[in-house]
Protein backbone atom coordinates (compact mmCIF):
# COMPACT_ATOMS: atom_id res chain seq x y z
CA UNK A 1 -2.80 17.06 -33.73
CA UNK A 2 -6.46 17.77 -35.07
CA UNK A 3 -7.58 16.38 -38.75
CA UNK A 4 -9.41 18.57 -41.02
CA UNK A 5 -12.01 18.27 -43.39
CA UNK A 6 -13.72 20.77 -45.65
CA UNK A 7 -17.40 20.07 -46.44
CA UNK A 8 -17.81 19.57 -50.20
CA UNK A 9 -21.13 20.72 -51.88
CA UNK A 10 -22.19 16.36 -52.03
CA UNK A 11 -22.64 16.65 -48.04
CA UNK A 12 -24.10 19.95 -47.57
CA UNK A 13 -27.62 19.90 -45.60
CA UNK A 14 -25.97 16.26 -44.35
CA UNK A 15 -25.88 15.64 -40.62
CA UNK A 16 -22.89 15.43 -39.08
CA UNK A 17 -23.10 12.07 -37.53
CA UNK A 18 -24.08 10.54 -40.98
CA UNK A 19 -21.07 12.78 -42.47
CA UNK A 20 -19.00 10.58 -39.80
CA UNK A 21 -20.52 7.26 -40.78
CA UNK A 22 -19.96 7.92 -44.42
CA UNK A 23 -16.46 9.16 -44.40
CA UNK A 24 -14.95 7.82 -40.92
CA UNK A 25 -16.63 4.69 -40.50
CA UNK A 26 -19.69 3.14 -39.02
CA UNK A 27 -19.44 4.33 -35.70
CA UNK A 28 -21.92 3.74 -33.04
CA UNK A 29 -24.37 6.83 -32.34
CA UNK A 30 -23.55 6.71 -28.64
CA UNK A 31 -19.60 7.29 -29.78
CA UNK A 32 -20.30 10.08 -31.76
CA UNK A 33 -22.59 11.65 -29.54
CA UNK A 34 -19.69 11.60 -26.48
CA UNK A 35 -17.08 13.20 -28.71
CA UNK A 36 -19.42 15.91 -29.59
CA UNK A 37 -20.18 16.75 -26.39
CA UNK A 38 -16.18 16.21 -25.17
CA UNK A 39 -15.50 18.31 -28.42
CA UNK A 40 -13.42 15.98 -30.03
CA UNK A 41 -15.68 16.49 -33.14
CA UNK A 42 -16.03 20.01 -34.12
CA UNK A 43 -17.58 22.19 -36.45
CA UNK A 44 -15.37 25.72 -37.51
CA UNK A 45 -13.78 24.53 -33.68
CA UNK A 46 -17.46 25.00 -32.48
CA UNK A 47 -19.39 22.46 -30.40
CA UNK A 48 -22.30 21.19 -32.16
CA UNK A 49 -24.87 18.68 -31.58
CA UNK A 50 -25.36 15.39 -33.89
CA UNK A 51 -28.22 16.96 -35.99
CA UNK A 52 -25.98 19.53 -37.03
CA UNK A 53 -26.43 19.91 -41.15
CA UNK A 54 -23.10 21.02 -43.10
CA UNK A 55 -22.95 24.03 -44.84
CA UNK A 56 -20.56 24.53 -47.71
CA UNK A 57 -17.11 24.96 -46.55
CA UNK A 58 -17.65 24.31 -43.13
CA UNK A 59 -14.63 23.16 -41.85
CA UNK A 60 -14.77 19.43 -39.81
CA UNK A 61 -12.48 19.24 -36.90
CA UNK A 62 -11.39 15.82 -35.63
CA UNK A 63 -9.37 16.21 -32.29
CA UNK A 64 -7.81 12.23 -31.15
CA UNK A 65 -10.58 10.80 -32.97
CA UNK A 66 -9.98 7.35 -34.52
CA UNK A 67 -12.56 4.75 -33.63
CA UNK A 68 -10.98 2.27 -36.19
CA UNK A 69 -7.60 1.85 -33.69
CA UNK A 70 -9.00 3.30 -30.18
CA UNK A 71 -12.14 2.08 -30.15
CA UNK A 72 -11.55 -1.86 -31.90
CA UNK A 73 -14.67 -1.72 -34.27
CA UNK A 74 -14.98 -4.46 -36.17
CA UNK A 75 -14.32 -2.99 -39.96
CA UNK A 76 -16.34 -4.80 -42.48
CA UNK A 77 -13.91 -6.19 -45.41
CA UNK A 78 -14.42 -4.06 -48.64
CA UNK A 79 -14.74 -6.05 -51.93
CA UNK A 80 -12.36 -5.09 -54.25
CA UNK A 81 -13.04 -5.94 -57.77
CA UNK A 82 -10.56 -7.48 -60.12
CA UNK A 83 -10.03 -5.51 -63.45
CA UNK A 84 -11.94 -8.09 -65.10
CA UNK A 85 -14.95 -7.65 -62.90
CA UNK A 86 -14.95 -3.78 -63.57
CA UNK A 87 -14.50 -4.49 -67.08
CA UNK A 88 -17.57 -6.54 -67.25
CA UNK A 89 -19.53 -4.29 -65.18
CA UNK A 90 -19.74 -1.92 -68.25
CA UNK A 91 -21.80 -4.08 -69.68
CA UNK A 92 -24.11 -3.74 -66.80
CA UNK A 93 -24.84 0.32 -67.85
CA UNK A 94 -28.18 1.27 -69.31
CA UNK A 95 -28.00 5.06 -68.92
CA UNK A 96 -24.90 7.39 -67.77
CA UNK A 97 -25.03 11.16 -67.51
CA UNK A 98 -23.85 13.84 -65.17
CA UNK A 99 -26.36 13.23 -62.37
CA UNK A 100 -27.32 9.63 -62.24
CA UNK A 101 -26.83 6.37 -63.98
CA UNK A 102 -29.15 3.02 -64.77
CA UNK A 103 -27.59 -0.49 -64.00
CA UNK A 104 -29.20 -3.31 -64.94
CA UNK A 105 -28.33 -5.46 -61.89
CA UNK A 106 -27.87 -9.15 -62.15
CA UNK A 107 -29.15 -12.13 -60.27
CA UNK A 108 -26.99 -12.96 -57.34
CA UNK A 109 -25.24 -9.54 -56.86
CA UNK A 110 -26.32 -7.41 -53.47
CA UNK A 111 -26.62 -3.76 -54.19
CA UNK A 112 -24.46 -3.41 -50.90
CA UNK A 113 -22.29 -5.49 -49.06
CA UNK A 114 -22.52 -6.28 -45.30
CA UNK A 115 -21.49 -8.46 -42.79
CA UNK A 116 -22.01 -11.73 -44.41
CA UNK A 117 -21.60 -10.06 -48.33
CA UNK A 118 -18.44 -9.28 -49.62
CA UNK A 119 -19.37 -8.90 -53.51
CA UNK A 120 -21.70 -5.90 -54.48
CA UNK A 121 -22.84 -3.26 -56.60
CA UNK A 122 -21.82 -0.20 -54.90
CA UNK A 123 -18.08 -1.39 -54.81
CA UNK A 124 -17.82 -2.54 -57.87
CA UNK A 125 -19.69 0.44 -59.49
CA UNK A 126 -17.19 2.69 -57.55
CA UNK A 127 -14.73 1.58 -59.58
CA UNK A 128 -16.02 1.92 -62.86
CA UNK A 129 -14.62 4.81 -64.90
CA UNK A 130 -18.60 6.69 -64.87
CA UNK A 131 -17.79 7.38 -61.33
CA UNK A 132 -14.11 9.12 -61.73
CA UNK A 133 -14.97 12.44 -60.67
CA UNK A 134 -17.79 11.03 -58.33
CA UNK A 135 -19.36 8.47 -56.28
CA UNK A 136 -22.88 6.36 -56.16
CA UNK A 137 -25.36 7.29 -53.89
CA UNK A 138 -28.25 4.64 -53.44
CA UNK A 139 -31.46 5.59 -53.69
CA UNK A 140 -33.30 2.29 -54.03
CA UNK A 141 -32.80 -1.31 -53.55
CA UNK A 142 -33.95 -4.60 -55.24
CA UNK A 143 -32.71 -8.06 -53.48
CA UNK A 144 -29.55 -10.22 -54.22
CA UNK A 145 -32.09 -12.42 -56.32
CA UNK A 146 -33.73 -9.95 -58.03
CA UNK A 147 -32.38 -9.04 -61.26
CA UNK A 148 -33.08 -5.84 -63.34
CA UNK A 149 -33.42 -2.00 -63.24
CA UNK A 150 -31.96 0.05 -60.36
CA UNK A 151 -31.01 4.19 -60.56
CA UNK A 152 -27.96 5.15 -58.60
CA UNK A 153 -27.22 8.84 -58.22
CA UNK A 154 -23.98 10.74 -58.57
CA UNK A 155 -24.33 13.44 -56.54
CA UNK A 156 -25.86 14.35 -53.37
CA UNK A 157 -28.42 16.67 -55.26
CA UNK A 158 -30.09 13.98 -57.13
CA UNK A 159 -29.67 11.57 -54.46
CA UNK A 160 -31.94 13.94 -52.46
CA UNK A 161 -34.13 14.42 -55.52
CA UNK A 162 -34.63 10.56 -56.29
CA UNK A 163 -35.32 9.87 -52.52
CA UNK A 164 -38.09 12.98 -52.29
CA UNK A 165 -39.86 11.25 -55.85
CA UNK A 166 -39.60 7.71 -54.37
CA UNK A 167 -41.24 9.13 -51.12
CA UNK A 168 -44.34 11.07 -53.04
CA UNK A 169 -44.35 7.86 -55.35
CA UNK A 170 -43.66 9.92 -58.59
CA UNK A 171 -41.59 6.70 -59.56
CA UNK A 172 -43.26 3.95 -61.35
CA UNK A 173 -41.28 0.65 -61.42
CA UNK A 174 -42.55 -2.72 -63.12
CA UNK A 175 -41.68 -5.96 -62.24
CA UNK A 176 -42.04 -9.47 -64.17
CA UNK A 177 -42.93 -12.69 -62.35
CA UNK A 178 -43.44 -16.03 -63.15
CA UNK A 179 -45.48 -17.79 -60.23
CA UNK A 180 -46.91 -21.07 -59.02
CA UNK A 181 -50.29 -21.63 -60.00
CA UNK A 182 -53.22 -20.35 -62.33
CA UNK A 183 -54.50 -16.50 -61.28
CA UNK A 184 -58.18 -16.45 -62.21
CA UNK A 185 -58.17 -12.46 -62.21
CA UNK A 186 -56.96 -10.56 -64.87
CA UNK A 187 -56.11 -7.70 -63.21
CA UNK A 188 -56.27 -6.56 -59.45
CA UNK A 189 -54.87 -4.49 -56.56
CA UNK A 190 -53.24 -6.61 -53.56
CA UNK A 191 -53.17 -4.56 -50.54
CA UNK A 192 -52.32 -5.66 -46.74
CA UNK A 193 -50.20 -5.11 -44.15
CA UNK A 194 -46.52 -6.78 -44.22
CA UNK A 195 -45.12 -7.86 -41.02
CA UNK A 196 -41.36 -7.42 -40.18
CA UNK A 197 -39.08 -7.32 -37.09
CA UNK A 198 -36.18 -4.78 -36.11
CA UNK A 199 -34.33 -7.13 -33.59
CA UNK A 200 -37.40 -7.52 -31.06
CA UNK A 201 -39.77 -5.16 -32.10
CA UNK A 202 -42.77 -5.80 -34.59
CA UNK A 203 -43.44 -3.71 -37.40
CA UNK A 204 -46.36 -3.55 -39.45
CA UNK A 205 -46.63 -1.77 -42.95
CA UNK A 206 -49.36 -1.24 -45.41
CA UNK A 207 -48.19 -2.52 -48.97
CA UNK A 208 -50.10 -1.89 -52.19
CA UNK A 209 -49.33 -3.70 -55.47
CA UNK A 210 -51.12 -3.67 -58.94
CA UNK A 211 -50.96 -6.75 -61.33
CA UNK A 212 -52.18 -7.78 -64.89
CA UNK A 213 -51.95 -11.29 -65.94
CA UNK A 214 -49.87 -11.34 -69.51
CA UNK A 215 -50.24 -15.13 -69.78
CA UNK A 216 -50.98 -18.22 -67.64
CA UNK A 217 -51.82 -21.87 -67.79
CA UNK A 218 -53.04 -24.56 -65.50
CA UNK A 219 -49.97 -24.49 -63.13
CA UNK A 220 -48.30 -21.37 -63.72
CA UNK A 221 -49.07 -17.24 -64.30
CA UNK A 222 -46.95 -14.72 -65.76
CA UNK A 223 -47.70 -11.09 -64.19
CA UNK A 224 -46.46 -7.45 -64.59
CA UNK A 225 -46.71 -5.95 -61.40
CA UNK A 226 -46.62 -2.24 -60.07
CA UNK A 227 -45.88 -1.77 -56.78
CA UNK A 228 -47.14 1.41 -55.28
CA UNK A 229 -45.22 1.39 -51.86
CA UNK A 230 -41.93 -0.04 -51.67
CA UNK A 231 -41.72 -2.42 -48.58
CA UNK A 232 -38.83 -4.69 -47.89
CA UNK A 233 -39.56 -8.06 -50.12
CA UNK A 234 -43.32 -6.74 -50.99
CA UNK A 235 -44.17 -8.40 -54.24
CA UNK A 236 -42.61 -11.77 -52.93
CA UNK A 237 -44.49 -11.54 -49.89
CA UNK A 238 -47.66 -10.57 -51.29
CA UNK A 239 -47.62 -13.14 -53.98
CA UNK A 240 -47.36 -15.65 -51.26
CA UNK A 241 -49.83 -14.53 -49.21
CA UNK A 242 -52.34 -14.53 -51.74
CA UNK A 243 -51.42 -18.22 -52.69
CA UNK A 244 -49.65 -17.62 -55.59
CA UNK A 245 -45.69 -17.90 -54.89
CA UNK A 246 -42.72 -16.56 -57.13
CA UNK A 247 -41.21 -19.79 -58.91
CA UNK A 248 -37.57 -19.47 -57.54
CA UNK A 249 -38.19 -18.24 -54.12
CA UNK A 250 -36.58 -20.38 -51.54
CA UNK A 251 -37.87 -17.79 -48.50
CA UNK A 252 -41.77 -17.34 -48.79
CA UNK A 253 -42.98 -20.47 -50.59
CA UNK A 254 -44.35 -23.59 -49.92
CA UNK A 255 -42.23 -26.77 -48.86
CA UNK A 256 -43.20 -28.77 -52.36
CA UNK A 257 -42.40 -25.95 -54.01
CA UNK A 258 -38.61 -25.64 -52.92
CA UNK A 259 -37.95 -29.32 -53.83
CA UNK A 260 -35.49 -27.70 -57.19
CA UNK A 261 -33.28 -25.28 -55.10
CA UNK A 262 -31.44 -24.47 -58.71
CA UNK A 263 -34.10 -22.29 -59.82
CA UNK A 264 -33.34 -18.66 -60.07
CA UNK A 265 -36.06 -16.06 -58.50
CA UNK A 266 -38.35 -15.39 -61.10
CA UNK A 267 -38.57 -11.86 -60.42
CA UNK A 268 -37.21 -9.28 -62.43
CA UNK A 269 -37.50 -5.50 -61.97
CA UNK A 270 -38.68 -4.48 -65.69
CA UNK A 271 -38.86 -0.74 -65.88
CA UNK A 272 -38.83 2.33 -64.13
CA UNK A 273 -40.17 5.91 -65.44
CA UNK A 274 -40.28 9.34 -63.73
CA UNK A 275 -40.17 13.09 -64.70
CA UNK A 276 -37.46 15.88 -63.92
CA UNK A 277 -38.11 19.41 -64.78
CA UNK A 278 -40.59 18.45 -67.46
CA UNK A 279 -38.60 15.58 -68.87
CA UNK A 280 -39.85 12.07 -69.14
CA UNK A 281 -37.71 9.37 -68.43
CA UNK A 282 -38.50 5.77 -68.88
CA UNK A 283 -35.87 2.62 -69.20
CA UNK A 284 -36.35 -0.86 -69.52
CA UNK A 285 -34.56 -3.98 -69.58
CA UNK A 286 -34.84 -7.10 -71.15
CA UNK A 287 -35.37 -10.06 -68.91
CA UNK A 288 -32.18 -12.60 -68.53
CA UNK A 289 -31.90 -16.09 -70.20
CA UNK A 290 -32.87 -18.28 -67.12
CA UNK A 291 -36.00 -15.97 -67.17
CA UNK A 292 -36.49 -16.94 -71.00
CA UNK A 293 -35.96 -20.42 -70.59
CA UNK A 294 -38.89 -20.77 -67.49
CA UNK A 295 -41.21 -19.34 -69.64
CA UNK A 296 -40.31 -21.96 -72.12
CA UNK A 297 -40.56 -24.60 -69.90
CA UNK A 298 -43.73 -23.27 -68.56
CA UNK A 299 -45.24 -22.96 -71.75
CA UNK A 300 -45.92 -18.84 -71.42
CA UNK A 301 -45.05 -15.81 -73.53
CA UNK A 302 -43.96 -12.43 -72.72
CA UNK A 303 -46.18 -11.12 -76.07
CA UNK A 304 -45.29 -7.63 -76.61
CA UNK A 305 -42.80 -7.55 -73.74
CA UNK A 306 -39.38 -8.49 -74.65
């Protein structure tokens, strides 16, 4: 018997293969292609390709297509937050409206779950009352070890809008960081090529970050940084590459700086600003207590920054 799904506005212009992954499960692309060819998955009972973009009120027919059971896929264990977790998550909300919310993500909480990550922000915030009539769309990420500001769209229209704004660099982010060593230049631009690997494939990506020194002494420096590009671990990699790794970074650091593994990563997504329909938005979140304690320990001052 066919299972029939009606396409709602949140999935208009979404590819059918992406719809399947989001609503059915993490199905391999090859399996999706095979079932589309065999008409086990059709749109309005018509054969389509995986690139087909959904329209409002399209009917998706699944005929004997249940990959979770028939193809023995490993289903990711979903994090189910407790009532206490859900209640505590309310304190993370900086802004909430019909189209997006702004979250102050704490240190140690991953944005999304994975094979080795159970507790995560998406599953937590989904259960919050602000998503009763919608669901979260992640439009950018910050590392698990990084604290601070994060935008989450509440519908596909704004998810696509934010994605476009990030792509054309119309969303401006500022980070605060405490790093090892005394940086002499008061302000500068770090521009280099960062290397990452996708399985065995080596990928080089150009990265640009502006920084300004807020305070410094003989052994440490407080910075505000504005990444122009958005590469994975960009700020962490770039500060390490110029010889001033972030305090508490156990990945991009020198061995002598990894002695105290109890230090949190001293990188905080401090502010974000953008414009939509002529309206300017700016949000800031204070640094966490452990960041303030490190400032005192290193005899550094935030000046006008909270």
